[in-house]
Protein backbone atom coordinates (compact mmCIF):
# COMPACT_ATOMS: atom_id res chain seq x y z
CA CYS A 1 9.82 92.43 -42.63
CA SER A 2 6.48 93.39 -42.61
CA ASP A 3 7.30 96.84 -41.61
CA SER A 4 5.88 99.82 -44.58
CA ARG A 5 8.96 100.46 -45.04
CA VAL A 6 11.11 98.42 -46.14
CA ALA A 7 9.40 97.38 -49.76
CA ALA A 8 11.87 94.78 -51.21
CA GLU A 9 10.61 96.26 -54.81
CA ILE A 10 11.23 99.09 -54.24
CA ILE A 11 14.69 98.67 -52.25
CA PHE A 12 16.08 96.19 -55.12
CA ASP A 13 13.99 98.52 -58.39
CA GLN A 14 12.61 95.24 -59.02
CA GLY A 15 8.98 94.95 -61.13
CA LEU A 16 5.31 93.91 -60.12
CA GLY A 17 6.28 89.47 -60.96
CA ASP A 18 10.02 89.57 -60.23
CA MET A 19 10.60 88.95 -56.99
CA PHE A 20 8.80 86.11 -54.42
CA ILE A 21 8.49 87.76 -51.41
CA VAL A 22 7.65 86.87 -47.73
CA ARG A 23 6.92 88.96 -44.72
CA THR A 24 6.53 88.84 -41.59
CA ALA A 25 7.03 90.90 -38.09
CA GLY A 26 10.65 90.70 -37.24
CA GLN A 27 11.36 87.63 -40.57
CA VAL A 28 9.66 85.75 -38.14
CA ILE A 29 10.11 81.83 -39.82
CA ASP A 30 6.77 79.49 -39.18
CA SER A 31 5.30 76.61 -40.82
CA ALA A 32 3.60 79.00 -43.04
CA VAL A 33 6.69 80.82 -43.92
CA LEU A 34 8.95 77.39 -44.88
CA GLY A 35 6.19 76.40 -46.90
CA SER A 36 6.19 79.85 -48.71
CA ILE A 37 9.71 79.77 -49.53
CA GLU A 38 9.81 75.87 -49.71
CA TYR A 39 7.13 76.55 -52.40
CA ALA A 40 9.19 79.12 -54.23
CA VAL A 41 12.75 77.15 -54.12
CA ALA A 42 10.45 73.65 -55.56
CA VAL A 43 8.59 74.54 -57.62
CA LEU A 44 9.81 78.48 -58.74
CA GLY A 45 13.48 77.53 -59.09
CA VAL A 46 14.08 80.81 -56.98
CA PRO A 47 17.98 81.09 -57.32
CA LEU A 48 18.25 83.65 -54.31
CA ILE A 49 16.78 84.35 -50.83
CA ALA A 50 17.73 87.06 -48.95
CA ILE A 51 16.81 87.10 -45.18
CA LEU A 52 16.03 91.05 -45.13
CA GLY A 53 16.00 93.03 -41.81
CA HIS A 54 15.98 96.77 -40.80
CA ASP A 55 17.36 99.39 -38.10
CA SER A 56 14.59 100.51 -36.61
CA CYS A 57 12.74 96.72 -36.28
CA GLY A 58 9.94 96.92 -34.26
CA ALA A 59 10.39 92.94 -33.29
CA VAL A 60 14.21 93.29 -32.35
CA GLY A 61 13.57 96.36 -29.95
CA ALA A 62 10.40 94.87 -28.22
CA THR A 63 12.20 91.19 -27.35
CA VAL A 64 15.14 93.84 -26.23
CA ALA A 65 13.08 95.85 -24.21
CA ALA A 66 10.76 91.89 -22.60
CA LEU A 67 14.66 90.46 -21.36
CA ASP A 68 15.51 94.24 -20.06
CA THR A 69 12.84 94.67 -17.83
CA GLY A 70 11.18 90.97 -17.98
CA GLU A 71 7.12 92.23 -19.32
CA VAL A 72 7.14 90.16 -22.31
CA PRO A 73 3.60 91.16 -24.28
CA GLY A 74 0.88 89.19 -24.36
CA GLY A 75 -1.49 87.67 -26.86
CA TYR A 76 0.93 86.76 -29.99
CA ILE A 77 3.16 89.53 -30.27
CA ARG A 78 4.83 87.48 -27.15
CA ASP A 79 5.31 84.47 -30.04
CA LEU A 80 6.87 87.16 -32.37
CA VAL A 81 9.02 87.92 -29.38
CA VAL A 82 10.14 84.27 -28.17
CA ARG A 83 11.16 83.74 -31.76
CA VAL A 84 13.05 86.30 -31.71
CA MET A 85 14.81 85.68 -28.45
CA PRO A 86 17.75 83.28 -28.62
CA SER A 87 19.15 85.74 -31.65
CA ILE A 88 19.61 88.46 -28.53
CA LEU A 89 20.53 86.19 -25.85
CA GLY A 90 23.01 85.15 -28.38
CA GLY A 91 24.12 88.18 -29.37
CA ARG A 92 24.93 89.49 -25.76
CA LYS A 93 26.50 86.00 -24.53
CA ASP A 94 28.75 86.70 -27.75
CA GLY A 95 30.03 90.57 -26.42
CA LEU A 96 26.68 92.07 -28.23
CA SER A 97 24.72 95.32 -27.00
CA ARG A 98 23.94 98.19 -29.34
CA ILE A 99 20.47 97.26 -31.48
CA ASP A 100 22.24 97.33 -34.90
CA GLU A 101 24.10 94.91 -33.71
CA PHE A 102 21.08 92.46 -32.77
CA GLU A 103 18.52 93.27 -36.02
CA ALA A 104 22.16 92.26 -37.98
CA ARG A 105 22.63 89.10 -35.16
CA HIS A 106 19.14 88.60 -36.30
CA VAL A 107 18.61 87.85 -39.85
CA GLU A 108 21.73 85.65 -39.56
CA GLU A 109 20.44 83.25 -37.00
CA THR A 110 16.94 84.08 -39.39
CA GLY A 111 19.06 82.14 -42.01
CA SER A 112 20.20 79.86 -40.30
CA LYS A 113 17.20 78.86 -38.83
CA LEU A 114 16.27 78.35 -42.41
CA LEU A 115 18.54 76.56 -43.13
CA GLN A 116 18.42 73.76 -40.34
CA ARG A 117 14.77 73.99 -40.39
CA SER A 118 14.29 73.39 -44.81
CA GLN A 119 15.59 70.56 -46.05
CA VAL A 120 14.21 71.85 -49.24
CA VAL A 121 16.37 74.69 -48.83
CA ALA A 122 19.48 73.12 -47.22
CA ASP A 123 19.66 70.49 -50.24
CA ALA A 124 19.05 73.52 -52.61
CA VAL A 125 22.20 75.51 -51.30
CA LYS A 126 24.05 72.60 -51.21
CA ALA A 127 23.35 71.59 -55.10
CA ASN A 128 24.59 74.96 -55.50
CA LYS A 129 20.71 75.97 -57.01
CA LEU A 130 20.57 78.48 -54.09
CA ALA A 131 22.10 80.64 -52.42
CA LEU A 132 21.32 82.43 -49.34
CA VAL A 133 22.27 86.39 -48.16
CA TYR A 134 21.94 88.15 -45.13
CA LEU A 135 20.71 91.81 -45.37
CA THR A 136 19.99 95.01 -43.10
CA TYR A 137 18.36 97.44 -44.42
CA LYS A 138 19.24 101.31 -43.72
CA LEU A 139 15.92 103.29 -43.05
CA ALA A 140 17.74 106.81 -43.01
CA ASP A 141 20.30 106.86 -45.99
CA GLY A 142 18.39 103.36 -47.82
CA ARG A 143 21.86 101.54 -48.01
CA VAL A 144 21.65 97.76 -47.49
CA VAL A 145 24.44 96.16 -46.08
CA LEU A 146 25.53 92.40 -46.55
CA HIS A 147 26.35 91.19 -43.38
CA GLY A 148 26.98 87.02 -45.00
CA HIS A 149 25.86 84.20 -47.33
CA VAL A 150 25.79 81.13 -47.64
CA GLY A 151 26.24 79.70 -50.66
CA ASP A 152 27.37 81.18 -54.33
CA ILE A 153 26.36 84.78 -55.10
């Protein structure tokens, strides 16, 4: 996520140059994100992709609000909300109702979309060269919660 409170280098106690990081609001995937991730996998050989969401996620909150009120924001915020909507709608269909459940669901759905949209990522996972972990960060206490994974971790 782009949220300044969710700095992966600090959360995972890593130094500069230890991680290749792509940050977007609501961890949404577009062609620039896919290109960056594929570069990290194919050229740099990263062994792990961590999809990191967090509580109090503005993108998830805005999407839930848009679905509840029918008022979708304008501009490029609309694009962000529209990209998060499938995770929230799928979660509601499965009986989820709490915002933390939607945040976790969106992290998992983001990982699934990444595997579907990037042959480079899917092939690296299949070849046991790459794993994906689906995580949320708890702002209040600094905990990271694992919600699932693909590949050997």
